[in-house]
Amino acid sequence: MLHPLKGPTSFECDGCGHHASFHKMENRQDEETERRWKDADASDERLQSNMHKWSEHIKEQKKRLENEIARIDKERADDTDDVVEVVEEVRDRAPKRRRTTGR
């Protein structure tokens, strides 16, 4: 059976007979690619963290605005109740007029 690491390539290092993947060998192109991947991963993590912070900030702002709207609505309802009370008082104090039939 073919060795899983040796299967795709036939490269063996000089001297010891191990497959090249057994050793840490320098390959600047691979190292550069790995570095870019790590940098991209770190960048993605920072982006995810920032997105989470903004999401939390937006949720807090939405809740604050909803509370403010509820407070204003309650004040308006209280003001409306006050106006209705005043109108009813004025109506109750006004002299009663008799209705005539016009004859």
PDB file of N, CA and C in Angstrom:
ATOM      1  N   MET A   1       0.844  -1.190   0.000  1.00  0.00           N
ATOM      2  CA  MET A   1       0.000   0.000   0.000  1.00  0.00           C
ATOM      3  C   MET A   1       0.879   1.239   0.000  1.00  0.00           C
ATOM      4  N   LEU A   2       0.460   2.245  -0.700  1.00  0.00           N
ATOM      5  CA  LEU A   2       1.216   3.480  -0.838  1.00  0.00           C
ATOM      6  C   LEU A   2       1.075   4.317   0.422  1.00  0.00           C
ATOM      7  N   HIS A   3       2.158   4.888   0.892  1.00  0.00           N
ATOM      8  CA  HIS A   3       2.151   5.755   2.084  1.00  0.00           C
ATOM      9  C   HIS A   3       1.367   7.020   1.770  1.00  0.00           C
ATOM     10  N   PRO A   4       0.442   7.465   2.690  1.00  0.00           N
ATOM     11  CA  PRO A   4      -0.410   8.618   2.370  1.00  0.00           C
ATOM     12  C   PRO A   4       0.363   9.909   2.131  1.00  0.00           C
ATOM     13  N   LEU A   5       1.474  10.091   2.806  1.00  0.00           N
ATOM     14  CA  LEU A   5       2.257  11.310   2.593  1.00  0.00           C
ATOM     15  C   LEU A   5       3.137  11.210   1.347  1.00  0.00           C
ATOM     16  N   LYS A   6       3.535  10.017   1.010  1.00  0.00           N
ATOM     17  CA  LYS A   6       4.403   9.857  -0.156  1.00  0.00           C
ATOM     18  C   LYS A   6       3.602   9.732  -1.453  1.00  0.00           C
ATOM     19  N   GLY A   7       2.308   9.504  -1.336  1.00  0.00           N
ATOM     20  CA  GLY A   7       1.481   9.265  -2.508  1.00  0.00           C
ATOM     21  C   GLY A   7       1.532  10.361  -3.551  1.00  0.00           C
ATOM     22  N   PRO A   8       1.278  11.624  -3.174  1.00  0.00           N
ATOM     23  CA  PRO A   8       1.222  12.663  -4.207  1.00  0.00           C
ATOM     24  C   PRO A   8       2.578  13.022  -4.816  1.00  0.00           C
ATOM     25  N   THR A   9       3.668  12.758  -4.095  1.00  0.00           N
ATOM     26  CA  THR A   9       4.985  13.123  -4.621  1.00  0.00           C
ATOM     27  C   THR A   9       5.945  11.960  -4.447  1.00  0.00           C
ATOM     28  N   SER A  10       7.049  12.058  -5.101  1.00  0.00           N
ATOM     29  CA  SER A  10       8.074  11.024  -4.941  1.00  0.00           C
ATOM     30  C   SER A  10       9.328  11.617  -4.309  1.00  0.00           C
ATOM     31  N   PHE A  11       9.233  12.859  -3.820  1.00  0.00           N
ATOM     32  CA  PHE A  11      10.418  13.535  -3.305  1.00  0.00           C
ATOM     33  C   PHE A  11      10.815  12.966  -1.957  1.00  0.00           C
ATOM     34  N   GLU A  12      12.063  12.533  -1.842  1.00  0.00           N
ATOM     35  CA  GLU A  12      12.619  12.096  -0.579  1.00  0.00           C
ATOM     36  C   GLU A  12      13.852  12.935  -0.309  1.00  0.00           C
ATOM     37  N   CYS A  13      14.099  13.206   0.993  1.00  0.00           N
ATOM     38  CA  CYS A  13      15.256  14.036   1.313  1.00  0.00           C
ATOM     39  C   CYS A  13      16.536  13.231   1.113  1.00  0.00           C
ATOM     40  N   ASP A  14      17.637  13.947   1.005  1.00  0.00           N
ATOM     41  CA  ASP A  14      18.926  13.271   0.804  1.00  0.00           C
ATOM     42  C   ASP A  14      19.382  12.620   2.101  1.00  0.00           C
ATOM     43  N   GLY A  15      19.783  11.420   2.013  1.00  0.00           N
ATOM     44  CA  GLY A  15      20.474  10.784   3.126  1.00  0.00           C
ATOM     45  C   GLY A  15      19.645   9.898   4.014  1.00  0.00           C
ATOM     46  N   CYS A  16      18.558  10.356   4.564  1.00  0.00           N
ATOM     47  CA  CYS A  16      17.877   9.553   5.586  1.00  0.00           C
ATOM     48  C   CYS A  16      16.738   8.705   5.029  1.00  0.00           C
ATOM     49  N   GLY A  17      16.279   9.008   3.839  1.00  0.00           N
ATOM     50  CA  GLY A  17      15.233   8.199   3.236  1.00  0.00           C
ATOM     51  C   GLY A  17      13.818   8.600   3.642  1.00  0.00           C
ATOM     52  N   HIS A  18      13.688   9.585   4.498  1.00  0.00           N
ATOM     53  CA  HIS A  18      12.352  10.068   4.858  1.00  0.00           C
ATOM     54  C   HIS A  18      11.755  10.872   3.721  1.00  0.00           C
ATOM     55  N   HIS A  19      10.440  10.923   3.699  1.00  0.00           N
ATOM     56  CA  HIS A  19       9.757  11.783   2.744  1.00  0.00           C
ATOM     57  C   HIS A  19      10.007  13.226   3.145  1.00  0.00           C
ATOM     58  N   ALA A  20      10.010  14.120   2.212  1.00  0.00           N
ATOM     59  CA  ALA A  20      10.333  15.528   2.477  1.00  0.00           C
ATOM     60  C   ALA A  20       9.372  16.139   3.481  1.00  0.00           C
ATOM     61  N   SER A  21       8.130  15.697   3.539  1.00  0.00           N
ATOM     62  CA  SER A  21       7.165  16.269   4.468  1.00  0.00           C
ATOM     63  C   SER A  21       7.513  15.931   5.916  1.00  0.00           C
ATOM     64  N   PHE A  22       8.408  14.972   6.118  1.00  0.00           N
ATOM     65  CA  PHE A  22       8.825  14.589   7.461  1.00  0.00           C
ATOM     66  C   PHE A  22       9.685  15.684   8.078  1.00  0.00           C
ATOM     67  N   HIS A  23      10.411  16.401   7.270  1.00  0.00           N
ATOM     68  CA  HIS A  23      11.349  17.428   7.734  1.00  0.00           C
ATOM     69  C   HIS A  23      10.769  18.820   7.564  1.00  0.00           C
ATOM     70  N   LYS A  24      11.242  19.721   8.404  1.00  0.00           N
ATOM     71  CA  LYS A  24      10.908  21.136   8.231  1.00  0.00           C
ATOM     72  C   LYS A  24      11.902  21.679   7.218  1.00  0.00           C
ATOM     73  N   MET A  25      11.454  21.842   6.011  1.00  0.00           N
ATOM     74  CA  MET A  25      12.347  22.319   4.960  1.00  0.00           C
ATOM     75  C   MET A  25      11.924  23.725   4.564  1.00  0.00           C
ATOM     76  N   GLU A  26      12.905  24.523   4.198  1.00  0.00           N
ATOM     77  CA  GLU A  26      12.619  25.908   3.815  1.00  0.00           C
ATOM     78  C   GLU A  26      11.971  25.949   2.446  1.00  0.00           C
ATOM     79  N   ASN A  27      10.898  26.713   2.395  1.00  0.00           N
ATOM     80  CA  ASN A  27      10.251  26.961   1.117  1.00  0.00           C
ATOM     81  C   ASN A  27       9.629  28.351   1.245  1.00  0.00           C
ATOM     82  N   ARG A  28      10.339  29.335   0.765  1.00  0.00           N
ATOM     83  CA  ARG A  28       9.915  30.732   0.953  1.00  0.00           C
ATOM     84  C   ARG A  28       8.520  31.010   0.379  1.00  0.00           C
ATOM     85  N   GLN A  29       8.218  30.423  -0.724  1.00  0.00           N
ATOM     86  CA  GLN A  29       6.903  30.653  -1.329  1.00  0.00           C
ATOM     87  C   GLN A  29       5.790  30.109  -0.417  1.00  0.00           C
ATOM     88  N   ASP A  30       5.970  28.905   0.104  1.00  0.00           N
ATOM     89  CA  ASP A  30       4.973  28.336   1.020  1.00  0.00           C
ATOM     90  C   ASP A  30       4.888  29.147   2.307  1.00  0.00           C
ATOM     91  N   GLU A  31       6.047  29.565   2.818  1.00  0.00           N
ATOM     92  CA  GLU A  31       6.059  30.356   4.052  1.00  0.00           C
ATOM     93  C   GLU A  31       5.341  31.692   3.847  1.00  0.00           C
ATOM     94  N   GLU A  32       5.540  32.295   2.693  1.00  0.00           N
ATOM     95  CA  GLU A  32       4.862  33.557   2.382  1.00  0.00           C
ATOM     96  C   GLU A  32       3.349  33.339   2.281  1.00  0.00           C
ATOM     97  N   THR A  33       2.970  32.240   1.638  1.00  0.00           N
ATOM     98  CA  THR A  33       1.548  31.919   1.525  1.00  0.00           C
ATOM     99  C   THR A  33       0.944  31.688   2.907  1.00  0.00           C
ATOM    100  N   GLU A  34       1.621  30.931   3.766  1.00  0.00           N
ATOM    101  CA  GLU A  34       1.138  30.683   5.126  1.00  0.00           C
ATOM    102  C   GLU A  34       1.025  31.990   5.910  1.00  0.00           C
ATOM    103  N   ARG A  35       2.019  32.874   5.746  1.00  0.00           N
ATOM    104  CA  ARG A  35       1.981  34.161   6.443  1.00  0.00           C
ATOM    105  C   ARG A  35       0.776  34.980   5.988  1.00  0.00           C
ATOM    106  N   ARG A  36       0.497  34.999   4.677  1.00  0.00           N
ATOM    107  CA  ARG A  36      -0.666  35.731   4.167  1.00  0.00           C
ATOM    108  C   ARG A  36      -1.963  35.143   4.715  1.00  0.00           C
ATOM    109  N   TRP A  37      -2.024  33.818   4.793  1.00  0.00           N
ATOM    110  CA  TRP A  37      -3.223  33.180   5.348  1.00  0.00           C
ATOM    111  C   TRP A  37      -3.418  33.560   6.808  1.00  0.00           C
ATOM    112  N   LYS A  38      -2.329  33.531   7.579  1.00  0.00           N
ATOM    113  CA  LYS A  38      -2.418  33.910   8.994  1.00  0.00           C
ATOM    114  C   LYS A  38      -2.832  35.367   9.137  1.00  0.00           C
ATOM    115  N   ASP A  39      -2.250  36.237   8.297  1.00  0.00           N
ATOM    116  CA  ASP A  39      -2.636  37.658   8.333  1.00  0.00           C
ATOM    117  C   ASP A  39      -4.106  37.826   7.976  1.00  0.00           C
ATOM    118  N   ALA A  40      -4.559  37.093   6.968  1.00  0.00           N
ATOM    119  CA  ALA A  40      -5.969  37.176   6.561  1.00  0.00           C
ATOM    120  C   ALA A  40      -6.875  36.670   7.675  1.00  0.00           C
ATOM    121  N   ASP A  41      -6.475  35.582   8.341  1.00  0.00           N
ATOM    122  CA  ASP A  41      -7.264  35.066   9.458  1.00  0.00           C
ATOM    123  C   ASP A  41      -7.345  36.088  10.588  1.00  0.00           C
ATOM    124  N   ALA A  42      -6.211  36.713  10.904  1.00  0.00           N
ATOM    125  CA  ALA A  42      -6.197  37.727  11.960  1.00  0.00           C
ATOM    126  C   ALA A  42      -7.078  38.912  11.569  1.00  0.00           C
ATOM    127  N   SER A  43      -7.017  39.298  10.299  1.00  0.00           N
ATOM    128  CA  SER A  43      -7.839  40.403   9.813  1.00  0.00           C
ATOM    129  C   SER A  43      -9.322  40.046   9.908  1.00  0.00           C
ATOM    130  N   ASP A  44      -9.664  38.810   9.536  1.00  0.00           N
ATOM    131  CA  ASP A  44     -11.051  38.355   9.626  1.00  0.00           C
ATOM    132  C   ASP A  44     -11.531  38.365  11.070  1.00  0.00           C
ATOM    133  N   GLU A  45     -10.668  37.934  11.995  1.00  0.00           N
ATOM    134  CA  GLU A  45     -11.043  37.933  13.411  1.00  0.00           C
ATOM    135  C   GLU A  45     -11.290  39.355  13.902  1.00  0.00           C
ATOM    136  N   ARG A  46     -10.433  40.295  13.506  1.00  0.00           N
ATOM    137  CA  ARG A  46     -10.633  41.699  13.901  1.00  0.00           C
ATOM    138  C   ARG A  46     -11.933  42.233  13.313  1.00  0.00           C
ATOM    139  N   LEU A  47     -12.192  41.899  12.061  1.00  0.00           N
ATOM    140  CA  LEU A  47     -13.425  42.339  11.400  1.00  0.00           C
ATOM    141  C   LEU A  47     -14.647  41.776  12.118  1.00  0.00           C
ATOM    142  N   GLN A  48     -14.612  40.490  12.442  1.00  0.00           N
ATOM    143  CA  GLN A  48     -15.725  39.866  13.161  1.00  0.00           C
ATOM    144  C   GLN A  48     -15.932  40.533  14.517  1.00  0.00           C
ATOM    145  N   SER A  49     -14.837  40.824  15.204  1.00  0.00           N
ATOM    146  CA  SER A  49     -14.927  41.480  16.517  1.00  0.00           C
ATOM    147  C   SER A  49     -15.546  42.863  16.383  1.00  0.00           C
ATOM    148  N   ASN A  50     -15.092  43.615  15.388  1.00  0.00           N
ATOM    149  CA  ASN A  50     -15.646  44.956  15.163  1.00  0.00           C
ATOM    150  C   ASN A  50     -17.115  44.895  14.774  1.00  0.00           C
ATOM    151  N   MET A  51     -17.480  43.921  13.955  1.00  0.00           N
ATOM    152  CA  MET A  51     -18.875  43.784  13.547  1.00  0.00           C
ATOM    153  C   MET A  51     -19.744  43.459  14.760  1.00  0.00           C
ATOM    154  N   HIS A  52     -19.224  42.611  15.658  1.00  0.00           N
ATOM    155  CA  HIS A  52     -19.975  42.274  16.867  1.00  0.00           C
ATOM    156  C   HIS A  52     -20.155  43.517  17.739  1.00  0.00           C
ATOM    157  N   LYS A  53     -19.090  44.321  17.888  1.00  0.00           N
ATOM    158  CA  LYS A  53     -19.182  45.548  18.691  1.00  0.00           C
ATOM    159  C   LYS A  53     -20.212  46.507  18.091  1.00  0.00           C
ATOM    160  N   TRP A  54     -20.189  46.674  16.762  1.00  0.00           N
ATOM    161  CA  TRP A  54     -21.143  47.569  16.115  1.00  0.00           C
ATOM    162  C   TRP A  54     -22.566  47.039  16.260  1.00  0.00           C
ATOM    163  N   SER A  55     -22.713  45.730  16.155  1.00  0.00           N
ATOM    164  CA  SER A  55     -24.035  45.130  16.314  1.00  0.00           C
ATOM    165  C   SER A  55     -24.578  45.410  17.708  1.00  0.00           C
ATOM    166  N   GLU A  56     -23.735  45.256  18.724  1.00  0.00           N
ATOM    167  CA  GLU A  56     -24.158  45.540  20.094  1.00  0.00           C
ATOM    168  C   GLU A  56     -24.487  47.022  20.260  1.00  0.00           C
ATOM    169  N   HIS A  57     -23.683  47.885  19.650  1.00  0.00           N
ATOM    170  CA  HIS A  57     -23.918  49.327  19.730  1.00  0.00           C
ATOM    171  C   HIS A  57     -25.270  49.679  19.095  1.00  0.00           C
ATOM    172  N   ILE A  58     -25.547  49.095  17.942  1.00  0.00           N
ATOM    173  CA  ILE A  58     -26.808  49.359  17.248  1.00  0.00           C
ATOM    174  C   ILE A  58     -27.990  48.867  18.084  1.00  0.00           C
ATOM    175  N   LYS A  59     -27.857  47.685  18.696  1.00  0.00           N
ATOM    176  CA  LYS A  59     -28.930  47.165  19.552  1.00  0.00           C
ATOM    177  C   LYS A  59     -29.193  48.108  20.725  1.00  0.00           C
ATOM    178  N   GLU A  60     -28.115  48.625  21.339  1.00  0.00           N
ATOM    179  CA  GLU A  60     -28.274  49.555  22.458  1.00  0.00           C
ATOM    180  C   GLU A  60     -28.967  50.841  22.007  1.00  0.00           C
ATOM    181  N   GLN A  61     -28.561  51.367  20.849  1.00  0.00           N
ATOM    182  CA  GLN A  61     -29.166  52.589  20.325  1.00  0.00           C
ATOM    183  C   GLN A  61     -30.647  52.366  20.013  1.00  0.00           C
ATOM    184  N   LYS A  62     -30.966  51.214  19.422  1.00  0.00           N
ATOM    185  CA  LYS A  62     -32.355  50.907  19.090  1.00  0.00           C
ATOM    186  C   LYS A  62     -33.194  50.844  20.363  1.00  0.00           C
ATOM    187  N   LYS A  63     -32.678  50.194  21.393  1.00  0.00           N
ATOM    188  CA  LYS A  63     -33.410  50.081  22.651  1.00  0.00           C
ATOM    189  C   LYS A  63     -33.605  51.460  23.280  1.00  0.00           C
ATOM    190  N   ARG A  64     -32.562  52.304  23.236  1.00  0.00           N
ATOM    191  CA  ARG A  64     -32.659  53.649  23.788  1.00  0.00           C
ATOM    192  C   ARG A  64     -33.726  54.453  23.054  1.00  0.00           C
ATOM    193  N   LEU A  65     -33.754  54.356  21.725  1.00  0.00           N
ATOM    194  CA  LEU A  65     -34.745  55.082  20.932  1.00  0.00           C
ATOM    195  C   LEU A  65     -36.159  54.564  21.183  1.00  0.00           C
ATOM    196  N   GLU A  66     -36.301  53.252  21.304  1.00  0.00           N
ATOM    197  CA  GLU A  66     -37.623  52.690  21.598  1.00  0.00           C
ATOM    198  C   GLU A  66     -38.127  53.185  22.953  1.00  0.00           C
ATOM    199  N   ASN A  67     -37.240  53.239  23.941  1.00  0.00           N
ATOM    200  CA  ASN A  67     -37.624  53.748  25.260  1.00  0.00           C
ATOM    201  C   ASN A  67     -38.013  55.221  25.193  1.00  0.00           C
ATOM    202  N   GLU A  68     -37.275  55.991  24.406  1.00  0.00           N
ATOM    203  CA  GLU A  68     -37.569  57.419  24.257  1.00  0.00           C
ATOM    204  C   GLU A  68     -38.925  57.614  23.569  1.00  0.00           C
ATOM    205  N   ILE A  69     -39.191  56.823  22.563  1.00  0.00           N
ATOM    206  CA  ILE A  69     -40.483  56.906  21.864  1.00  0.00           C
ATOM    207  C   ILE A  69     -41.623  56.547  22.816  1.00  0.00           C
ATOM    208  N   ALA A  70     -41.425  55.501  23.612  1.00  0.00           N
ATOM    209  CA  ALA A  70     -42.456  55.103  24.572  1.00  0.00           C
ATOM    210  C   ALA A  70     -42.709  56.220  25.586  1.00  0.00           C
ATOM    211  N   ARG A  71     -41.628  56.877  26.037  1.00  0.00           N
ATOM    212  CA  ARG A  71     -41.769  57.976  26.999  1.00  0.00           C
ATOM    213  C   ARG A  71     -42.544  59.134  26.381  1.00  0.00           C
ATOM    214  N   ILE A  72     -42.231  59.486  25.149  1.00  0.00           N
ATOM    215  CA  ILE A  72     -42.918  60.588  24.460  1.00  0.00           C
ATOM    216  C   ILE A  72     -44.390  60.239  24.240  1.00  0.00           C
ATOM    217  N   ASP A  73     -44.661  59.005  23.824  1.00  0.00           N
ATOM    218  CA  ASP A  73     -46.053  58.578  23.630  1.00  0.00           C
ATOM    219  C   ASP A  73     -46.843  58.684  24.932  1.00  0.00           C
ATOM    220  N   LYS A  74     -46.216  58.304  26.037  1.00  0.00           N
ATOM    221  CA  LYS A  74     -46.903  58.379  27.333  1.00  0.00           C
ATOM    222  C   LYS A  74     -47.178  59.843  27.701  1.00  0.00           C
ATOM    223  N   GLU A  75     -46.198  60.717  27.456  1.00  0.00           N
ATOM    224  CA  GLU A  75     -46.405  62.143  27.733  1.00  0.00           C
ATOM    225  C   GLU A  75     -47.555  62.692  26.885  1.00  0.00           C
ATOM    226  N   ARG A  76     -47.600  62.312  25.627  1.00  0.00           N
ATOM    227  CA  ARG A  76     -48.684  62.777  24.751  1.00  0.00           C
ATOM    228  C   ARG A  76     -50.034  62.276  25.251  1.00  0.00           C
ATOM    229  N   ALA A  77     -50.078  61.027  25.664  1.00  0.00           N
ATOM    230  CA  ALA A  77     -51.337  60.470  26.174  1.00  0.00           C
ATOM    231  C   ALA A  77     -51.759  61.210  27.441  1.00  0.00           C
ATOM    232  N   ASP A  78     -50.787  61.510  28.314  1.00  0.00           N
ATOM    233  CA  ASP A  78     -51.092  62.261  29.539  1.00  0.00           C
ATOM    234  C   ASP A  78     -51.605  63.659  29.190  1.00  0.00           C
ATOM    235  N   ASP A  79     -50.951  64.299  28.209  1.00  0.00           N
ATOM    236  CA  ASP A  79     -51.388  65.636  27.790  1.00  0.00           C
ATOM    237  C   ASP A  79     -52.804  65.588  27.213  1.00  0.00           C
ATOM    238  N   THR A  80     -53.084  64.563  26.420  1.00  0.00           N
ATOM    239  CA  THR A  80     -54.422  64.411  25.833  1.00  0.00           C
ATOM    240  C   THR A  80     -55.455  64.226  26.941  1.00  0.00           C
ATOM    241  N   ASP A  81     -55.133  63.407  27.932  1.00  0.00           N
ATOM    242  CA  ASP A  81     -56.046  63.207  29.059  1.00  0.00           C
ATOM    243  C   ASP A  81     -56.304  64.525  29.782  1.00  0.00           C
ATOM    244  N   ASP A  82     -55.243  65.331  29.964  1.00  0.00           N
ATOM    245  CA  ASP A  82     -55.402  66.630  30.631  1.00  0.00           C
ATOM    246  C   ASP A  82     -56.326  67.548  29.837  1.00  0.00           C
ATOM    247  N   VAL A  83     -56.162  67.587  28.521  1.00  0.00           N
ATOM    248  CA  VAL A  83     -57.001  68.437  27.677  1.00  0.00           C
ATOM    249  C   VAL A  83     -58.455  67.975  27.753  1.00  0.00           C
ATOM    250  N   VAL A  84     -58.684  66.687  27.717  1.00  0.00           N
ATOM    251  CA  VAL A  84     -60.046  66.163  27.796  1.00  0.00           C
ATOM    252  C   VAL A  84     -60.675  66.556  29.129  1.00  0.00           C
ATOM    253  N   GLU A  85     -59.915  66.444  30.211  1.00  0.00           N
ATOM    254  CA  GLU A  85     -60.442  66.830  31.531  1.00  0.00           C
ATOM    255  C   GLU A  85     -60.837  68.302  31.561  1.00  0.00           C
ATOM    256  N   VAL A  86     -60.004  69.180  31.020  1.00  0.00           N
ATOM    257  CA  VAL A  86     -60.289  70.617  30.999  1.00  0.00           C
ATOM    258  C   VAL A  86     -61.536  70.895  30.165  1.00  0.00           C
ATOM    259  N   VAL A  87     -61.631  70.280  29.008  1.00  0.00           N
ATOM    260  CA  VAL A  87     -62.793  70.487  28.143  1.00  0.00           C
ATOM    261  C   VAL A  87     -64.063  70.032  28.856  1.00  0.00           C
ATOM    262  N   GLU A  88     -64.009  68.889  29.518  1.00  0.00           N
ATOM    263  CA  GLU A  88     -65.191  68.406  30.244  1.00  0.00           C
ATOM    264  C   GLU A  88     -65.566  69.344  31.379  1.00  0.00           C
ATOM    265  N   GLU A  89     -64.555  69.894  32.092  1.00  0.00           N
ATOM    266  CA  GLU A  89     -64.840  70.844  33.181  1.00  0.00           C
ATOM    267  C   GLU A  89     -65.518  72.092  32.631  1.00  0.00           C
ATOM    268  N   VAL A  90     -64.992  72.629  31.552  1.00  0.00           N
ATOM    269  CA  VAL A  90     -65.568  73.841  30.953  1.00  0.00           C
ATOM    270  C   VAL A  90     -66.983  73.554  30.486  1.00  0.00           C
ATOM    271  N   ARG A  91     -67.212  72.450  29.880  1.00  0.00           N
ATOM    272  CA  ARG A  91     -68.538  72.084  29.399  1.00  0.00           C
ATOM    273  C   ARG A  91     -69.514  71.945  30.569  1.00  0.00           C
ATOM    274  N   ASP A  92     -69.047  71.329  31.658  1.00  0.00           N
ATOM    275  CA  ASP A  92     -69.921  71.142  32.825  1.00  0.00           C
ATOM    276  C   ASP A  92     -70.253  72.468  33.502  1.00  0.00           C
ATOM    277  N   ARG A  93     -69.355  73.421  33.477  1.00  0.00           N
ATOM    278  CA  ARG A  93     -69.579  74.718  34.129  1.00  0.00           C
ATOM    279  C   ARG A  93     -70.396  75.673  33.260  1.00  0.00           C
ATOM    280  N   ALA A  94     -70.420  75.425  31.996  1.00  0.00           N
ATOM    281  CA  ALA A  94     -71.132  76.334  31.091  1.00  0.00           C
ATOM    282  C   ALA A  94     -72.626  76.270  31.389  1.00  0.00           C
ATOM    283  N   PRO A  95     -73.282  77.419  31.270  1.00  0.00           N
ATOM    284  CA  PRO A  95     -74.724  77.422  31.515  1.00  0.00           C
ATOM    285  C   PRO A  95     -75.428  76.568  30.464  1.00  0.00           C
ATOM    286  N   LYS A  96     -76.435  75.900  30.930  1.00  0.00           N
ATOM    287  CA  LYS A  96     -77.194  75.037  30.033  1.00  0.00           C
ATOM    288  C   LYS A  96     -78.098  75.908  29.172  1.00  0.00           C
ATOM    289  N   ARG A  97     -78.081  75.670  27.917  1.00  0.00           N
ATOM    290  CA  ARG A  97     -78.950  76.414  27.005  1.00  0.00           C
ATOM    291  C   ARG A  97     -80.137  75.552  26.670  1.00  0.00           C
ATOM    292  N   ARG A  98     -81.198  76.225  26.596  1.00  0.00           N
ATOM    293  CA  ARG A  98     -82.382  75.498  26.167  1.00  0.00           C
ATOM    294  C   ARG A  98     -82.444  75.495  24.679  1.00  0.00           C
ATOM    295  N   ARG A  99     -82.906  74.432  24.187  1.00  0.00           N
ATOM    296  CA  ARG A  99     -83.059  74.361  22.747  1.00  0.00           C
ATOM    297  C   ARG A  99     -84.484  74.795  22.408  1.00  0.00           C
ATOM    298  N   THR A 100     -84.533  75.619  21.453  1.00  0.00           N
ATOM    299  CA  THR A 100     -85.850  76.028  20.983  1.00  0.00           C
ATOM    300  C   THR A 100     -86.136  75.376  19.654  1.00  0.00           C
ATOM    301  N   THR A 101     -87.374  75.209  19.412  1.00  0.00           N
ATOM    302  CA  THR A 101     -87.753  74.532  18.162  1.00  0.00           C
ATOM    303  C   THR A 101     -87.881  75.519  17.025  1.00  0.00           C
ATOM    304  N   GLY A 102     -87.776  76.780  17.314  1.00  0.00           N
ATOM    305  CA  GLY A 102     -87.865  77.769  16.251  1.00  0.00           C
ATOM    306  C   GLY A 102     -89.275  78.178  15.922  1.00  0.00           C
ATOM    307  N   ARG A 103     -90.220  77.889  16.730  1.00  0.00           N
ATOM    308  CA  ARG A 103     -91.599  78.272  16.472  1.00  0.00           C
ATOM    309  C   ARG A 103     -91.945  79.531  17.132  1.00  0.00           C
TER     310      ARG A 103
END
